[in-house]
C-alpha atoms as a PDB file:
ATOM      1  CA  MET A   1     135.582 -37.252 181.464  1.00  0.00           C
ATOM      2  CA  ASP A   2     139.190 -37.203 183.111  1.00  0.00           C
ATOM      3  CA  LEU A   3     141.479 -35.245 180.899  1.00  0.00           C
ATOM      4  CA  PRO A   4     144.689 -36.986 179.852  1.00  0.00           C
ATOM      5  CA  LYS A   5     148.069 -36.091 181.343  1.00  0.00           C
ATOM      6  CA  VAL A   6     151.396 -36.186 179.479  1.00  0.00           C
ATOM      7  CA  GLU A   7     153.932 -38.704 181.035  1.00  0.00           C
ATOM      8  CA  ARG A   8     157.634 -39.054 180.608  1.00  0.00           C
ATOM      9  CA  TRP A   9     159.045 -42.284 179.409  1.00  0.00           C
ATOM     10  CA  ASP A  10     161.224 -43.793 182.249  1.00  0.00           C
ATOM     11  CA  PHE A  11     164.473 -44.309 180.173  1.00  0.00           C
ATOM     12  CA  GLU A  12     166.394 -45.509 183.241  1.00  0.00           C
ATOM     13  CA  LYS A  13     163.897 -48.172 184.134  1.00  0.00           C
ATOM     14  CA  THR A  14     162.564 -49.262 180.691  1.00  0.00           C
ATOM     15  CA  GLY A  15     165.403 -48.312 178.278  1.00  0.00           C
ATOM     16  CA  LEU A  16     165.017 -46.557 175.000  1.00  0.00           C
ATOM     17  CA  MET A  17     161.459 -45.918 173.779  1.00  0.00           C
ATOM     18  CA  THR A  18     161.097 -48.021 170.565  1.00  0.00           C
ATOM     19  CA  LEU A  19     158.323 -49.601 168.563  1.00  0.00           C
ATOM     20  CA  ASP A  20     159.539 -53.096 169.694  1.00  0.00           C
ATOM     21  CA  LYS A  21     159.680 -52.026 173.450  1.00  0.00           C
ATOM     22  CA  ILE A  22     156.197 -50.606 173.275  1.00  0.00           C
ATOM     23  CA  ARG A  23     154.880 -53.680 171.548  1.00  0.00           C
ATOM     24  CA  GLY A  24     156.374 -55.907 174.295  1.00  0.00           C
ATOM     25  CA  MET A  25     154.456 -53.968 176.903  1.00  0.00           C
ATOM     26  CA  VAL A  26     150.995 -54.748 175.684  1.00  0.00           C
ATOM     27  CA  THR A  27     149.661 -58.239 176.603  1.00  0.00           C
ATOM     28  CA  PRO A  28     147.952 -60.251 175.382  1.00  0.00           C
ATOM     29  CA  THR A  29     149.299 -58.990 171.975  1.00  0.00           C
ATOM     30  CA  HIS A  30     146.349 -60.113 169.944  1.00  0.00           C
ATOM     31  CA  HIS A  31     144.027 -57.833 172.026  1.00  0.00           C
ATOM     32  CA  PHE A  32     145.818 -54.702 170.814  1.00  0.00           C
ATOM     33  CA  ARG A  33     146.669 -52.688 167.734  1.00  0.00           C
ATOM     34  CA  VAL A  34     150.049 -51.040 167.699  1.00  0.00           C
ATOM     35  CA  SER A  35     150.797 -48.714 164.859  1.00  0.00           C
ATOM     36  CA  ARG A  36     153.580 -46.552 163.968  1.00  0.00           C
ATOM     37  CA  SER A  37     153.166 -43.371 161.781  1.00  0.00           C
ATOM     38  CA  GLU A  38     155.458 -40.643 160.602  1.00  0.00           C
ATOM     39  CA  TYR A  39     154.409 -37.095 159.575  1.00  0.00           C
ATOM     40  CA  PRO A  40     156.253 -34.332 158.053  1.00  0.00           C
ATOM     41  CA  ALA A  41     156.883 -31.159 160.070  1.00  0.00           C
ATOM     42  CA  GLY A  42     154.120 -28.722 160.122  1.00  0.00           C
ATOM     43  CA  VAL A  43     151.176 -30.823 158.801  1.00  0.00           C
ATOM     44  CA  GLU A  44     147.684 -30.513 160.189  1.00  0.00           C
ATOM     45  CA  PHE A  45     144.916 -32.970 159.716  1.00  0.00           C
ATOM     46  CA  SER A  46     141.670 -34.303 161.410  1.00  0.00           C
ATOM     47  CA  GLU A  47     141.156 -37.822 162.656  1.00  0.00           C
ATOM     48  CA  ALA A  48     138.608 -39.907 164.645  1.00  0.00           C
ATOM     49  CA  SER A  49     140.265 -42.252 167.048  1.00  0.00           C
ATOM     50  CA  ARG A  50     139.470 -44.851 169.752  1.00  0.00           C
ATOM     51  CA  GLU A  51     140.711 -44.480 173.230  1.00  0.00           C
ATOM     52  CA  GLY A  52     144.480 -45.376 173.400  1.00  0.00           C
ATOM     53  CA  VAL A  53     147.909 -44.366 174.156  1.00  0.00           C
ATOM     54  CA  CYS A  54     150.036 -42.003 171.921  1.00  0.00           C
ATOM     55  CA  TYR A  55     153.883 -42.554 172.298  1.00  0.00           C
ATOM     56  CA  VAL A  56     156.111 -39.906 170.606  1.00  0.00           C
ATOM     57  CA  LEU A  57     159.389 -41.305 169.394  1.00  0.00           C
ATOM     58  CA  GLN A  58     160.545 -38.240 167.606  1.00  0.00           C
ATOM     59  CA  GLY A  59     159.218 -34.640 167.161  1.00  0.00           C
ATOM     60  CA  GLN A  60     156.066 -33.112 168.716  1.00  0.00           C
ATOM     61  CA  VAL A  61     152.349 -33.534 168.186  1.00  0.00           C
ATOM     62  CA  THR A  62     149.315 -31.603 169.511  1.00  0.00           C
ATOM     63  CA  TYR A  63     145.954 -33.024 169.733  1.00  0.00           C
ATOM     64  CA  ARG A  64     142.788 -30.847 169.968  1.00  0.00           C
ATOM     65  CA  LEU A  65     139.765 -32.792 170.967  1.00  0.00           C
ATOM     66  CA  GLU A  66     136.823 -31.043 169.308  1.00  0.00           C
ATOM     67  CA  GLU A  67     134.084 -32.176 171.609  1.00  0.00           C
ATOM     68  CA  CYS A  68     135.350 -30.554 174.791  1.00  0.00           C
ATOM     69  CA  ASN A  69     137.709 -27.890 173.694  1.00  0.00           C
ATOM     70  CA  PHE A  70     140.657 -29.819 175.010  1.00  0.00           C
ATOM     71  CA  GLU A  71     144.258 -29.568 173.771  1.00  0.00           C
ATOM     72  CA  ILE A  72     147.400 -31.579 174.711  1.00  0.00           C
ATOM     73  CA  SER A  73     150.905 -31.513 173.314  1.00  0.00           C
ATOM     74  CA  ILE A  74     153.165 -34.461 173.507  1.00  0.00           C
ATOM     75  CA  SER A  75     156.946 -34.309 172.683  1.00  0.00           C
ATOM     76  CA  ALA A  76     159.683 -36.994 171.928  1.00  0.00           C
ATOM     77  CA  GLY A  77     160.098 -39.108 174.935  1.00  0.00           C
ATOM     78  CA  GLU A  78     156.532 -38.657 176.218  1.00  0.00           C
ATOM     79  CA  PHE A  79     153.181 -40.445 176.067  1.00  0.00           C
ATOM     80  CA  ALA A  80     149.541 -39.829 176.992  1.00  0.00           C
ATOM     81  CA  ASN A  81     146.333 -41.964 176.956  1.00  0.00           C
ATOM     82  CA  LEU A  82     143.850 -40.115 174.780  1.00  0.00           C
ATOM     83  CA  PRO A  83     140.137 -40.550 174.917  1.00  0.00           C
ATOM     84  CA  SER A  84     138.137 -41.585 171.956  1.00  0.00           C
ATOM     85  CA  GLY A  85     136.836 -38.738 169.854  1.00  0.00           C
ATOM     86  CA  SER A  86     137.400 -36.482 166.760  1.00  0.00           C
ATOM     87  CA  TYR A  87     140.731 -34.712 166.887  1.00  0.00           C
ATOM     88  CA  TRP A  88     142.528 -31.886 165.035  1.00  0.00           C
ATOM     89  CA  VAL A  89     146.156 -33.083 164.902  1.00  0.00           C
ATOM     90  CA  LEU A  90     149.092 -30.636 164.583  1.00  0.00           C
ATOM     91  CA  ILE A  91     152.651 -31.771 163.960  1.00  0.00           C
ATOM     92  CA  GLY A  92     155.358 -29.501 165.257  1.00  0.00           C
ATOM     93  CA  LYS A  93     156.923 -27.200 162.785  1.00  0.00           C
ATOM     94  CA  ASN A  94     160.481 -28.117 163.510  1.00  0.00           C
ATOM     95  CA  GLU A  95     160.946 -31.699 162.617  1.00  0.00           C
ATOM     96  CA  THR A  96     159.336 -35.019 161.359  1.00  0.00           C
ATOM     97  CA  ALA A  97     157.152 -36.564 164.045  1.00  0.00           C
ATOM     98  CA  SER A  98     157.234 -40.421 164.652  1.00  0.00           C
ATOM     99  CA  LEU A  99     154.351 -41.643 166.690  1.00  0.00           C
ATOM    100  CA  VAL A 100     153.316 -45.053 168.058  1.00  0.00           C
ATOM    101  CA  ARG A 101     149.474 -45.415 168.863  1.00  0.00           C
ATOM    102  CA  VAL A 102     148.255 -48.444 170.861  1.00  0.00           C
ATOM    103  CA  TRP A 103     144.671 -49.231 171.397  1.00  0.00           C
ATOM    104  CA  GLU A 104     142.604 -52.271 172.541  1.00  0.00           C
ATOM    105  CA  LEU A 105     140.737 -53.948 169.717  1.00  0.00           C
ATOM    106  CA  PRO A 106     137.051 -54.810 170.191  1.00  0.00           C
ATOM    107  CA  ALA A 107     136.649 -58.422 171.481  1.00  0.00           C
ATOM    108  CA  GLU A 108     135.282 -59.773 168.124  1.00  0.00           C
ATOM    109  CA  PHE A 109     138.646 -59.001 166.558  1.00  0.00           C
ATOM    110  CA  TRP A 110     140.676 -61.089 169.169  1.00  0.00           C
ATOM    111  CA  ALA A 111     142.387 -64.135 167.853  1.00  0.00           C
ATOM    112  CA  ASN A 112     141.178 -67.388 169.525  1.00  0.00           C
END
């Protein structure tokens, strides 16, 4: 498995990172789920997730992938493509985190 890399949003080329801007980047739209979540500073929780991209609009988040002892931290203005798996998620201690997750839906959920 290739481990994900954190990438920086290109503000000069793409403009401000917003939910609407991210939604506009995925096509065809009915093939993807785009979800925004907010978490208070300092919370920790576990989650299972499909492969997809995590964009951080505000704050900081760390994902620990339990299966392969991997950890990645993503801060405001950054994003990373995360593999499917079971994660331990840690939200930064200093501020609320606002995340946008994007993943492709299985074909049976695509609208005709």
